[in-house]
Amino acid sequence: MADPLKILVPIDFSPHSLATLDFALSLTDFVQAAYVLLYVVVSGEVETFASLGGEPEEALARHKEEAARRLSEEIDRRRLKNPEVSMEPRVASGVPFKEICRIADEEGFHLIVIGTHGRTGLSHLLIGSTAERVVQHASCPVLSINPEFCESRMGAAAVFRKKSGKKS
């Protein structure tokens, strides 16, 4: 049997990123896959101090611990539906798109599944798009999922059936 497809799923705990995770997990309808759920804590003393409060090192450590706990909870919820699927939590710190691309490259991931937040205009200009930068810089294929698509909660099998005209 072939090795499972290594899939990296960056999440930020927004409802959209969790829906993206569910879509990514539905890929097991087609391939054997092992998943790493990644949360990146934005680091840098100014960002950490401003966004998390307290001393930068302490705030960063607290934020990483909280993220690890929440990742474990999300994995536990999904294991109820997908007990056989390999899911591993991972927390990193740094610039999100750089960390996502670095981890994907260093650990030989086959695919990144990432949600876009659908920001446009001034919001996109000011905040930018982590997903867009991952697509531009990743060393492996990237599947980006837009917010409207995930709101429909369609799994991969439903998408491919709809596109091919096949019925279940």
Protein backbone atom coordinates (compact mmCIF):
# COMPACT_ATOMS: atom_id res chain seq x y z
CA MET A 1 0.00 0.00 0.00
CA ALA A 2 1.22 3.51 -0.86
CA ASP A 3 2.14 5.98 1.82
CA PRO A 4 -0.68 8.34 2.76
CA LEU A 5 -0.87 11.79 1.22
CA LYS A 6 0.58 14.30 3.71
CA ILE A 7 -1.82 17.23 3.94
CA LEU A 8 -1.13 20.44 5.88
CA VAL A 9 -4.24 22.35 6.96
CA PRO A 10 -3.51 25.78 8.46
CA ILE A 11 -6.38 26.99 10.65
CA ASP A 12 -7.06 30.11 12.70
CA PHE A 13 -10.16 28.77 14.51
CA SER A 14 -12.52 30.98 12.50
CA PRO A 15 -15.69 29.20 11.42
CA HIS A 16 -14.46 29.34 7.84
CA SER A 17 -11.11 27.73 8.60
CA LEU A 18 -12.87 24.93 10.50
CA ALA A 19 -15.18 24.37 7.51
CA THR A 20 -12.06 24.24 5.34
CA LEU A 21 -10.69 21.58 7.67
CA ASP A 22 -13.87 19.54 7.26
CA PHE A 23 -13.56 19.82 3.48
CA ALA A 24 -9.92 18.71 3.66
CA LEU A 25 -10.91 15.70 5.75
CA SER A 26 -13.48 14.74 3.13
CA LEU A 27 -10.61 14.12 0.70
CA THR A 28 -10.25 10.74 2.40
CA ASP A 29 -13.19 9.67 0.23
CA PHE A 30 -10.59 9.54 -2.56
CA VAL A 31 -7.15 9.05 -1.04
CA GLN A 32 -5.53 7.77 2.11
CA ALA A 33 -4.27 10.87 3.89
CA ALA A 34 -2.50 11.98 7.06
CA TYR A 35 -3.26 15.49 8.28
CA VAL A 36 -1.35 18.07 10.26
CA LEU A 37 -3.49 20.92 11.60
CA LEU A 38 -1.32 24.00 11.94
CA TYR A 39 -1.96 27.16 13.91
CA VAL A 40 0.62 29.93 13.57
CA VAL A 41 0.92 32.44 16.39
CA VAL A 42 2.06 35.75 14.95
CA SER A 43 5.34 36.52 16.65
CA GLY A 44 7.61 39.48 16.91
CA GLU A 45 7.82 41.49 20.10
CA VAL A 46 5.65 44.39 18.93
CA GLU A 47 2.88 42.16 17.53
CA THR A 48 2.96 39.79 20.48
CA PHE A 49 2.88 42.53 23.08
CA ALA A 50 0.17 44.52 21.29
CA SER A 51 -2.14 41.64 20.46
CA LEU A 52 -1.72 39.30 23.40
CA GLY A 53 -0.91 41.58 26.33
CA GLY A 54 1.80 41.20 28.96
CA GLU A 55 5.45 40.42 28.44
CA PRO A 56 6.13 39.19 24.90
CA GLU A 57 7.66 35.83 25.86
CA GLU A 58 4.98 35.04 28.42
CA ALA A 59 2.16 36.14 26.12
CA LEU A 60 3.55 34.08 23.26
CA ALA A 61 3.86 31.00 25.47
CA ARG A 62 0.27 31.43 26.73
CA HIS A 63 -1.05 31.90 23.24
CA LYS A 64 0.78 28.78 22.00
CA GLU A 65 -0.57 26.70 24.90
CA GLU A 66 -4.12 27.88 24.23
CA ALA A 67 -3.76 27.15 20.51
CA ALA A 68 -2.46 23.63 21.23
CA ARG A 69 -5.43 22.98 23.51
CA ARG A 70 -7.92 24.23 20.93
CA LEU A 71 -6.29 22.19 18.15
CA SER A 72 -6.57 19.06 20.28
CA GLU A 73 -10.25 19.80 20.91
CA GLU A 74 -10.93 20.21 17.18
CA ILE A 75 -9.14 16.96 16.44
CA ASP A 76 -11.12 15.14 19.16
CA ARG A 77 -14.41 16.43 17.66
CA ARG A 78 -13.47 15.20 14.22
CA ARG A 79 -12.18 11.84 15.43
CA LEU A 80 -15.76 11.01 16.41
CA LYS A 81 -16.68 11.07 12.70
CA ASN A 82 -13.28 9.99 11.30
CA PRO A 83 -11.66 7.65 13.85
CA GLU A 84 -9.32 6.06 11.31
CA VAL A 85 -7.90 9.33 9.92
CA SER A 86 -4.48 10.43 11.16
CA MET A 87 -4.60 14.00 12.52
CA GLU A 88 -1.78 15.74 14.35
CA PRO A 89 -1.85 19.19 15.97
CA ARG A 90 1.00 21.62 15.42
CA VAL A 91 1.62 25.14 16.72
CA ALA A 92 4.31 27.38 15.29
CA SER A 93 5.15 31.05 15.67
CA GLY A 94 6.30 33.59 13.15
CA VAL A 95 4.88 35.16 10.02
CA PRO A 96 1.98 32.86 9.09
CA PHE A 97 2.58 32.40 5.36
CA LYS A 98 6.33 31.93 5.89
CA GLU A 99 5.80 29.33 8.62
CA ILE A 100 3.20 27.45 6.58
CA CYS A 101 5.52 27.31 3.56
CA ARG A 102 8.59 26.46 5.65
CA ILE A 103 6.89 23.56 7.42
CA ALA A 104 5.38 22.25 4.18
CA ASP A 105 8.79 22.34 2.50
CA GLU A 106 10.91 20.98 5.36
CA GLU A 107 8.53 18.13 6.15
CA GLY A 108 7.71 17.16 2.59
CA PHE A 109 3.96 17.78 2.56
CA HIS A 110 2.18 16.77 -0.61
CA LEU A 111 -0.65 19.31 -0.34
CA ILE A 112 -1.73 22.38 1.62
CA VAL A 113 -5.48 22.97 2.02
CA ILE A 114 -6.11 26.54 3.13
CA GLY A 115 -9.17 28.75 3.39
CA THR A 116 -9.38 32.26 2.06
CA HIS A 117 -11.29 34.84 4.05
CA GLY A 118 -12.64 36.57 0.99
CA ARG A 119 -11.42 40.02 1.96
CA THR A 120 -11.50 42.61 -0.78
CA GLY A 121 -10.71 46.29 -1.18
CA LEU A 122 -9.11 48.17 1.68
CA SER A 123 -9.24 45.21 4.07
CA HIS A 124 -7.32 43.04 1.60
CA LEU A 125 -4.85 45.86 0.92
CA LEU A 126 -4.17 46.47 4.63
CA ILE A 127 -4.26 42.91 5.95
CA GLY A 128 -3.20 41.03 2.84
CA SER A 129 -3.96 37.42 2.24
CA THR A 130 -2.09 34.62 3.92
CA ALA A 131 -3.65 32.14 1.51
CA GLU A 132 -2.56 34.19 -1.49
CA ARG A 133 1.02 34.32 -0.23
CA VAL A 134 1.02 30.58 0.49
CA VAL A 135 -0.14 29.91 -3.08
CA GLN A 136 2.68 32.13 -4.37
CA HIS A 137 5.47 30.68 -2.22
CA ALA A 138 4.65 27.06 -1.36
CA SER A 139 6.84 24.28 -2.68
CA CYS A 140 3.86 21.91 -3.01
CA PRO A 141 0.36 22.21 -4.49
CA VAL A 142 -2.11 24.41 -2.60
CA LEU A 143 -5.88 23.97 -2.63
CA SER A 144 -7.52 27.22 -1.55
CA ILE A 145 -11.16 27.19 -0.52
CA ASN A 146 -13.27 30.38 -0.61
CA PRO A 147 -15.79 31.32 2.10
CA GLU A 148 -18.93 30.98 -0.01
CA PHE A 149 -17.97 27.46 -0.99
CA CYS A 150 -17.38 26.31 2.58
CA GLU A 151 -20.61 27.88 3.79
CA SER A 152 -22.42 25.30 1.68
CA ARG A 153 -20.56 22.61 3.69
CA MET A 154 -20.04 20.55 0.55
CA GLY A 155 -17.53 17.76 0.88
CA ALA A 156 -15.07 16.84 -1.85
CA ALA A 157 -17.22 13.91 -3.04
CA ALA A 158 -20.25 16.17 -3.53
CA VAL A 159 -18.15 18.68 -5.48
CA PHE A 160 -16.78 16.06 -7.85
CA ARG A 161 -20.20 14.45 -8.31
CA LYS A 162 -21.71 17.85 -9.12
CA LYS A 163 -18.94 18.71 -11.60
CA SER A 164 -19.11 15.32 -13.34
CA GLY A 165 -22.91 15.17 -13.37
CA LYS A 166 -22.91 11.85 -11.49
CA LYS A 167 -25.49 11.17 -8.82
CA SER A 168 -24.81 9.43 -5.52
